Structures are given as C-alpha cells and as structure tokens.
C-alpha cells in the first residue's frame, strides 16, 4: 500500500468547479463587506452552508479540521 500524497490531492481539489465556485462566493462576500485584502485577519465564517459573518482566520480555518484524529 503506497502512502497518500496529500499535497497532490489538495491541488486536485482546488481545480474542481465546486472549489472554484466556493472560493468565488467567499471572495465576493469579503469584497462586498470591505474586508478583502485589508489585513484585518478576518475570514467569512460559515454555519452549515450559510455565511454568518466574520471571525479570526486562524480560528475559522481550525474549525474545519476533524475534532478527533485516529492514531494508528
């Protein structure tokens, strides 16, 4: 069994139409609210599939990780 190439998988996902649409939606929301590229370290936060406002980018990105990790 070969090891997974996570970098390759991530690059492949980023090229999909779904990922492009998702990024475009978030960028548009940030631009409309005036926070895109201003260095305030905020990201659009999600609750389910809806954008709910802004939280610190480090916290927002940490929320997307699994709560538990298997150690084998």
PDB file of N, CA and C in Angstrom:
ATOM      1  N   UNK A   1       0.849  -1.172   0.000  1.00  0.00           N
ATOM      2  CA  UNK A   1       0.000   0.000   0.000  1.00  0.00           C
ATOM      3  C   UNK A   1       0.899   1.241   0.000  1.00  0.00           C
ATOM      4  N   UNK A   2       0.656   2.140  -0.932  1.00  0.00           N
ATOM      5  CA  UNK A   2       1.500   3.332  -1.022  1.00  0.00           C
ATOM      6  C   UNK A   2       0.941   4.453  -0.146  1.00  0.00           C
ATOM      7  N   UNK A   3       1.825   5.347   0.228  1.00  0.00           N
ATOM      8  CA  UNK A   3       1.423   6.482   1.069  1.00  0.00           C
ATOM      9  C   UNK A   3       0.630   7.482   0.233  1.00  0.00           C
ATOM     10  N   UNK A   4      -0.293   8.153   0.869  1.00  0.00           N
ATOM     11  CA  UNK A   4      -1.101   9.158   0.174  1.00  0.00           C
ATOM     12  C   UNK A   4      -0.282  10.415  -0.056  1.00  0.00           C
ATOM     13  N   UNK A   5      -0.530  11.055  -1.172  1.00  0.00           N
ATOM     14  CA  UNK A   5       0.122  12.315  -1.495  1.00  0.00           C
ATOM     15  C   UNK A   5      -0.890  13.437  -1.243  1.00  0.00           C
ATOM     16  N   UNK A   6      -0.898  13.959  -0.025  1.00  0.00           N
ATOM     17  CA  UNK A   6      -1.897  14.938   0.366  1.00  0.00           C
ATOM     18  C   UNK A   6      -1.761  16.236  -0.421  1.00  0.00           C
ATOM     19  N   UNK A   7      -0.527  16.640  -0.722  1.00  0.00           N
ATOM     20  CA  UNK A   7      -0.316  17.864  -1.494  1.00  0.00           C
ATOM     21  C   UNK A   7      -0.964  17.738  -2.871  1.00  0.00           C
ATOM     22  N   UNK A   8      -0.792  16.602  -3.502  1.00  0.00           N
ATOM     23  CA  UNK A   8      -1.381  16.352  -4.807  1.00  0.00           C
ATOM     24  C   UNK A   8      -2.909  16.356  -4.729  1.00  0.00           C
ATOM     25  N   UNK A   9      -3.463  15.722  -3.704  1.00  0.00           N
ATOM     26  CA  UNK A   9      -4.916  15.683  -3.532  1.00  0.00           C
ATOM     27  C   UNK A   9      -5.478  17.086  -3.337  1.00  0.00           C
ATOM     28  N   UNK A  10      -4.804  17.897  -2.532  1.00  0.00           N
ATOM     29  CA  UNK A  10      -5.264  19.258  -2.263  1.00  0.00           C
ATOM     30  C   UNK A  10      -5.244  20.103  -3.535  1.00  0.00           C
ATOM     31  N   UNK A  11      -4.181  19.954  -4.339  1.00  0.00           N
ATOM     32  CA  UNK A  11      -4.096  20.687  -5.597  1.00  0.00           C
ATOM     33  C   UNK A  11      -5.206  20.261  -6.551  1.00  0.00           C
ATOM     34  N   UNK A  12      -5.493  18.962  -6.603  1.00  0.00           N
ATOM     35  CA  UNK A  12      -6.555  18.453  -7.465  1.00  0.00           C
ATOM     36  C   UNK A  12      -7.913  19.007  -7.044  1.00  0.00           C
ATOM     37  N   UNK A  13      -8.175  19.034  -5.733  1.00  0.00           N
ATOM     38  CA  UNK A  13      -9.457  19.549  -5.240  1.00  0.00           C
ATOM     39  C   UNK A  13      -9.612  21.022  -5.601  1.00  0.00           C
ATOM     40  N   UNK A  14      -8.548  21.796  -5.469  1.00  0.00           N
ATOM     41  CA  UNK A  14      -8.618  23.229  -5.739  1.00  0.00           C
ATOM     42  C   UNK A  14      -8.955  23.567  -7.168  1.00  0.00           C
ATOM     43  N   UNK A  15      -8.753  22.633  -8.082  1.00  0.00           N
ATOM     44  CA  UNK A  15      -9.028  22.863  -9.502  1.00  0.00           C
ATOM     45  C   UNK A  15     -10.455  22.496  -9.895  1.00  0.00           C
ATOM     46  N   UNK A  16     -11.211  21.860  -9.004  1.00  0.00           N
ATOM     47  CA  UNK A  16     -12.559  21.428  -9.350  1.00  0.00           C
ATOM     48  C   UNK A  16     -13.494  22.632  -9.449  1.00  0.00           C
ATOM     49  N   UNK A  17     -14.557  22.473 -10.209  1.00  0.00           N
ATOM     50  CA  UNK A  17     -15.539  23.555 -10.372  1.00  0.00           C
ATOM     51  C   UNK A  17     -16.195  23.916  -9.038  1.00  0.00           C
ATOM     52  N   UNK A  18     -16.449  22.904  -8.199  1.00  0.00           N
ATOM     53  CA  UNK A  18     -17.083  23.165  -6.903  1.00  0.00           C
ATOM     54  C   UNK A  18     -16.189  24.035  -6.022  1.00  0.00           C
ATOM     55  N   UNK A  19     -14.888  23.737  -6.003  1.00  0.00           N
ATOM     56  CA  UNK A  19     -13.958  24.512  -5.184  1.00  0.00           C
ATOM     57  C   UNK A  19     -13.826  25.930  -5.706  1.00  0.00           C
ATOM     58  N   UNK A  20     -13.793  26.102  -7.026  1.00  0.00           N
ATOM     59  CA  UNK A  20     -13.688  27.433  -7.621  1.00  0.00           C
ATOM     60  C   UNK A  20     -14.923  28.272  -7.297  1.00  0.00           C
ATOM     61  N   UNK A  21     -16.093  27.656  -7.382  1.00  0.00           N
ATOM     62  CA  UNK A  21     -17.341  28.361  -7.081  1.00  0.00           C
ATOM     63  C   UNK A  21     -17.378  28.780  -5.605  1.00  0.00           C
ATOM     64  N   UNK A  22     -16.940  27.882  -4.729  1.00  0.00           N
ATOM     65  CA  UNK A  22     -16.921  28.145  -3.294  1.00  0.00           C
ATOM     66  C   UNK A  22     -15.990  29.319  -2.968  1.00  0.00           C
ATOM     67  N   UNK A  23     -14.767  29.293  -3.537  1.00  0.00           N
ATOM     68  CA  UNK A  23     -13.815  30.384  -3.322  1.00  0.00           C
ATOM     69  C   UNK A  23     -14.343  31.704  -3.856  1.00  0.00           C
ATOM     70  N   UNK A  24     -14.973  31.667  -5.030  1.00  0.00           N
ATOM     71  CA  UNK A  24     -15.505  32.884  -5.634  1.00  0.00           C
ATOM     72  C   UNK A  24     -16.596  33.488  -4.757  1.00  0.00           C
ATOM     73  N   UNK A  25     -17.441  32.638  -4.184  1.00  0.00           N
ATOM     74  CA  UNK A  25     -18.511  33.108  -3.297  1.00  0.00           C
ATOM     75  C   UNK A  25     -17.935  33.791  -2.056  1.00  0.00           C
ATOM     76  N   UNK A  26     -16.916  33.181  -1.449  1.00  0.00           N
ATOM     77  CA  UNK A  26     -16.302  33.759  -0.257  1.00  0.00           C
ATOM     78  C   UNK A  26     -15.589  35.070  -0.581  1.00  0.00           C
ATOM     79  N   UNK A  27     -14.865  35.097  -1.698  1.00  0.00           N
ATOM     80  CA  UNK A  27     -14.164  36.319  -2.083  1.00  0.00           C
ATOM     81  C   UNK A  27     -15.133  37.453  -2.366  1.00  0.00           C
ATOM     82  N   UNK A  28     -16.255  37.153  -3.025  1.00  0.00           N
ATOM     83  CA  UNK A  28     -17.257  38.177  -3.318  1.00  0.00           C
ATOM     84  C   UNK A  28     -17.844  38.727  -2.020  1.00  0.00           C
ATOM     85  N   UNK A  29     -18.144  37.857  -1.090  1.00  0.00           N
ATOM     86  CA  UNK A  29     -18.686  38.286   0.199  1.00  0.00           C
ATOM     87  C   UNK A  29     -17.695  39.205   0.917  1.00  0.00           C
ATOM     88  N   UNK A  30     -16.420  38.807   0.935  1.00  0.00           N
ATOM     89  CA  UNK A  30     -15.392  39.622   1.579  1.00  0.00           C
ATOM     90  C   UNK A  30     -15.241  40.976   0.905  1.00  0.00           C
ATOM     91  N   UNK A  31     -15.276  41.001  -0.419  1.00  0.00           N
ATOM     92  CA  UNK A  31     -15.155  42.276  -1.138  1.00  0.00           C
ATOM     93  C   UNK A  31     -16.357  43.175  -0.854  1.00  0.00           C
ATOM     94  N   UNK A  32     -17.544  42.591  -0.873  1.00  0.00           N
ATOM     95  CA  UNK A  32     -18.766  43.372  -0.615  1.00  0.00           C
ATOM     96  C   UNK A  32     -18.751  43.990   0.778  1.00  0.00           C
ATOM     97  N   UNK A  33     -18.187  43.290   1.737  1.00  0.00           N
ATOM     98  CA  UNK A  33     -18.137  43.785   3.120  1.00  0.00           C
ATOM     99  C   UNK A  33     -16.910  44.654   3.387  1.00  0.00           C
ATOM    100  N   UNK A  34     -16.006  44.766   2.405  1.00  0.00           N
ATOM    101  CA  UNK A  34     -14.848  45.635   2.544  1.00  0.00           C
ATOM    102  C   UNK A  34     -13.700  45.046   3.338  1.00  0.00           C
ATOM    103  N   UNK A  35     -13.664  43.726   3.522  1.00  0.00           N
ATOM    104  CA  UNK A  35     -12.593  43.122   4.314  1.00  0.00           C
ATOM    105  C   UNK A  35     -11.591  42.364   3.463  1.00  0.00           C
ATOM    106  N   UNK A  36     -11.793  42.320   2.160  1.00  0.00           N
ATOM    107  CA  UNK A  36     -10.897  41.545   1.302  1.00  0.00           C
ATOM    108  C   UNK A  36      -9.579  42.291   1.133  1.00  0.00           C
ATOM    109  N   UNK A  37      -8.485  41.690   1.591  1.00  0.00           N
ATOM    110  CA  UNK A  37      -7.163  42.241   1.370  1.00  0.00           C
ATOM    111  C   UNK A  37      -6.799  43.440   2.216  1.00  0.00           C
ATOM    112  N   UNK A  38      -7.543  43.714   3.296  1.00  0.00           N
ATOM    113  CA  UNK A  38      -7.215  44.887   4.106  1.00  0.00           C
ATOM    114  C   UNK A  38      -6.338  44.553   5.315  1.00  0.00           C
ATOM    115  N   UNK A  39      -5.962  43.278   5.480  1.00  0.00           N
ATOM    116  CA  UNK A  39      -5.033  42.890   6.532  1.00  0.00           C
ATOM    117  C   UNK A  39      -5.642  42.803   7.915  1.00  0.00           C
ATOM    118  N   UNK A  40      -6.955  42.685   8.036  1.00  0.00           N
ATOM    119  CA  UNK A  40      -7.583  42.613   9.361  1.00  0.00           C
ATOM    120  C   UNK A  40      -7.613  41.197   9.934  1.00  0.00           C
ATOM    121  N   UNK A  41      -7.101  40.214   9.194  1.00  0.00           N
ATOM    122  CA  UNK A  41      -7.033  38.814   9.636  1.00  0.00           C
ATOM    123  C   UNK A  41      -8.401  38.208   9.931  1.00  0.00           C
ATOM    124  N   UNK A  42      -9.431  38.618   9.191  1.00  0.00           N
ATOM    125  CA  UNK A  42     -10.758  38.047   9.359  1.00  0.00           C
ATOM    126  C   UNK A  42     -11.149  37.254   8.122  1.00  0.00           C
ATOM    127  N   UNK A  43     -11.903  36.175   8.348  1.00  0.00           N
ATOM    128  CA  UNK A  43     -12.469  35.357   7.279  1.00  0.00           C
ATOM    129  C   UNK A  43     -13.976  35.311   7.451  1.00  0.00           C
ATOM    130  N   UNK A  44     -14.664  35.054   6.353  1.00  0.00           N
ATOM    131  CA  UNK A  44     -16.101  34.830   6.417  1.00  0.00           C
ATOM    132  C   UNK A  44     -16.350  33.500   7.118  1.00  0.00           C
ATOM    133  N   UNK A  45     -17.203  33.490   8.125  1.00  0.00           N
ATOM    134  CA  UNK A  45     -17.491  32.283   8.897  1.00  0.00           C
ATOM    135  C   UNK A  45     -18.754  31.619   8.367  1.00  0.00           C
ATOM    136  N   UNK A  46     -18.781  30.301   8.412  1.00  0.00           N
ATOM    137  CA  UNK A  46     -19.925  29.541   7.938  1.00  0.00           C
ATOM    138  C   UNK A  46     -20.616  28.826   9.086  1.00  0.00           C
ATOM    139  N   UNK A  47     -21.920  28.730   8.959  1.00  0.00           N
ATOM    140  CA  UNK A  47     -22.700  27.866   9.815  1.00  0.00           C
ATOM    141  C   UNK A  47     -23.527  27.016   8.871  1.00  0.00           C
ATOM    142  N   UNK A  48     -23.153  25.777   8.722  1.00  0.00           N
ATOM    143  CA  UNK A  48     -23.779  24.943   7.705  1.00  0.00           C
ATOM    144  C   UNK A  48     -23.322  25.424   6.341  1.00  0.00           C
ATOM    145  N   UNK A  49     -24.244  25.765   5.473  1.00  0.00           N
ATOM    146  CA  UNK A  49     -23.873  26.229   4.136  1.00  0.00           C
ATOM    147  C   UNK A  49     -24.058  27.736   3.982  1.00  0.00           C
ATOM    148  N   UNK A  50     -24.361  28.448   5.070  1.00  0.00           N
ATOM    149  CA  UNK A  50     -24.599  29.891   5.004  1.00  0.00           C
ATOM    150  C   UNK A  50     -23.436  30.665   5.612  1.00  0.00           C
ATOM    151  N   UNK A  51     -23.146  31.823   5.029  1.00  0.00           N
ATOM    152  CA  UNK A  51     -22.117  32.701   5.567  1.00  0.00           C
ATOM    153  C   UNK A  51     -22.758  33.515   6.685  1.00  0.00           C
ATOM    154  N   UNK A  52     -22.136  33.521   7.867  1.00  0.00           N
ATOM    155  CA  UNK A  52     -22.745  34.131   9.055  1.00  0.00           C
ATOM    156  C   UNK A  52     -22.024  35.366   9.569  1.00  0.00           C
ATOM    157  N   UNK A  53     -20.967  35.806   8.927  1.00  0.00           N
ATOM    158  CA  UNK A  53     -20.230  36.956   9.438  1.00  0.00           C
ATOM    159  C   UNK A  53     -18.744  36.675   9.403  1.00  0.00           C
ATOM    160  N   UNK A  54     -17.989  37.326  10.281  1.00  0.00           N
ATOM    161  CA  UNK A  54     -16.544  37.202  10.255  1.00  0.00           C
ATOM    162  C   UNK A  54     -15.992  36.761  11.604  1.00  0.00           C
ATOM    163  N   UNK A  55     -14.955  35.920  11.546  1.00  0.00           N
ATOM    164  CA  UNK A  55     -14.186  35.554  12.724  1.00  0.00           C
ATOM    165  C   UNK A  55     -12.712  35.538  12.332  1.00  0.00           C
ATOM    166  N   UNK A  56     -11.822  35.460  13.328  1.00  0.00           N
ATOM    167  CA  UNK A  56     -10.394  35.417  13.041  1.00  0.00           C
ATOM    168  C   UNK A  56     -10.082  34.256  12.106  1.00  0.00           C
ATOM    169  N   UNK A  57      -9.200  34.499  11.125  1.00  0.00           N
ATOM    170  CA  UNK A  57      -8.932  33.468  10.125  1.00  0.00           C
ATOM    171  C   UNK A  57      -8.329  32.208  10.730  1.00  0.00           C
ATOM    172  N   UNK A  58      -7.479  32.347  11.754  1.00  0.00           N
ATOM    173  CA  UNK A  58      -6.871  31.168  12.374  1.00  0.00           C
ATOM    174  C   UNK A  58      -7.949  30.289  13.009  1.00  0.00           C
ATOM    175  N   UNK A  59      -8.899  30.895  13.680  1.00  0.00           N
ATOM    176  CA  UNK A  59      -9.980  30.135  14.315  1.00  0.00           C
ATOM    177  C   UNK A  59     -10.897  29.517  13.271  1.00  0.00           C
ATOM    178  N   UNK A  60     -11.213  30.261  12.229  1.00  0.00           N
ATOM    179  CA  UNK A  60     -12.101  29.767  11.181  1.00  0.00           C
ATOM    180  C   UNK A  60     -11.496  28.559  10.472  1.00  0.00           C
ATOM    181  N   UNK A  61     -10.209  28.609  10.190  1.00  0.00           N
ATOM    182  CA  UNK A  61      -9.559  27.510   9.484  1.00  0.00           C
ATOM    183  C   UNK A  61      -9.349  26.319  10.400  1.00  0.00           C
ATOM    184  N   UNK A  62      -9.178  26.548  11.691  1.00  0.00           N
ATOM    185  CA  UNK A  62      -9.043  25.446  12.645  1.00  0.00           C
ATOM    186  C   UNK A  62     -10.368  24.712  12.809  1.00  0.00           C
ATOM    187  N   UNK A  63     -11.485  25.404  12.649  1.00  0.00           N
ATOM    188  CA  UNK A  63     -12.801  24.784  12.802  1.00  0.00           C
ATOM    189  C   UNK A  63     -13.073  23.747  11.727  1.00  0.00           C
ATOM    190  N   UNK A  64     -12.367  23.805  10.606  1.00  0.00           N
ATOM    191  CA  UNK A  64     -12.623  22.886   9.510  1.00  0.00           C
ATOM    192  C   UNK A  64     -11.872  21.570   9.654  1.00  0.00           C
ATOM    193  N   UNK A  65     -11.068  21.432  10.701  1.00  0.00           N
ATOM    194  CA  UNK A  65     -10.354  20.179  10.915  1.00  0.00           C
ATOM    195  C   UNK A  65     -11.240  19.211  11.690  1.00  0.00           C
ATOM    196  N   UNK A  66     -10.987  17.916  11.519  1.00  0.00           N
ATOM    197  CA  UNK A  66     -11.742  16.946  12.320  1.00  0.00           C
ATOM    198  C   UNK A  66     -11.482  17.137  13.813  1.00  0.00           C
ATOM    199  N   UNK A  67     -12.478  16.909  14.617  1.00  0.00           N
ATOM    200  CA  UNK A  67     -12.332  17.078  16.064  1.00  0.00           C
ATOM    201  C   UNK A  67     -11.455  15.985  16.667  1.00  0.00           C
ATOM    202  N   UNK A  68     -11.521  14.797  16.125  1.00  0.00           N
ATOM    203  CA  UNK A  68     -10.708  13.698  16.609  1.00  0.00           C
ATOM    204  C   UNK A  68      -9.898  13.136  15.462  1.00  0.00           C
ATOM    205  N   UNK A  69      -8.687  12.749  15.761  1.00  0.00           N
ATOM    206  CA  UNK A  69      -7.844  12.137  14.744  1.00  0.00           C
ATOM    207  C   UNK A  69      -7.477  10.724  15.203  1.00  0.00           C
ATOM    208  N   UNK A  70      -7.529   9.813  14.273  1.00  0.00           N
ATOM    209  CA  UNK A  70      -7.120   8.439  14.586  1.00  0.00           C
ATOM    210  C   UNK A  70      -5.603   8.367  14.591  1.00  0.00           C
ATOM    211  N   UNK A  71      -5.060   7.662  15.535  1.00  0.00           N
ATOM    212  CA  UNK A  71      -3.627   7.430  15.541  1.00  0.00           C
ATOM    213  C   UNK A  71      -3.392   5.944  15.413  1.00  0.00           C
ATOM    214  N   UNK A  72      -2.852   5.532  14.286  1.00  0.00           N
ATOM    215  CA  UNK A  72      -2.603   4.111  14.045  1.00  0.00           C
ATOM    216  C   UNK A  72      -1.136   3.851  13.962  1.00  0.00           C
TER     217      UNK A  72
END
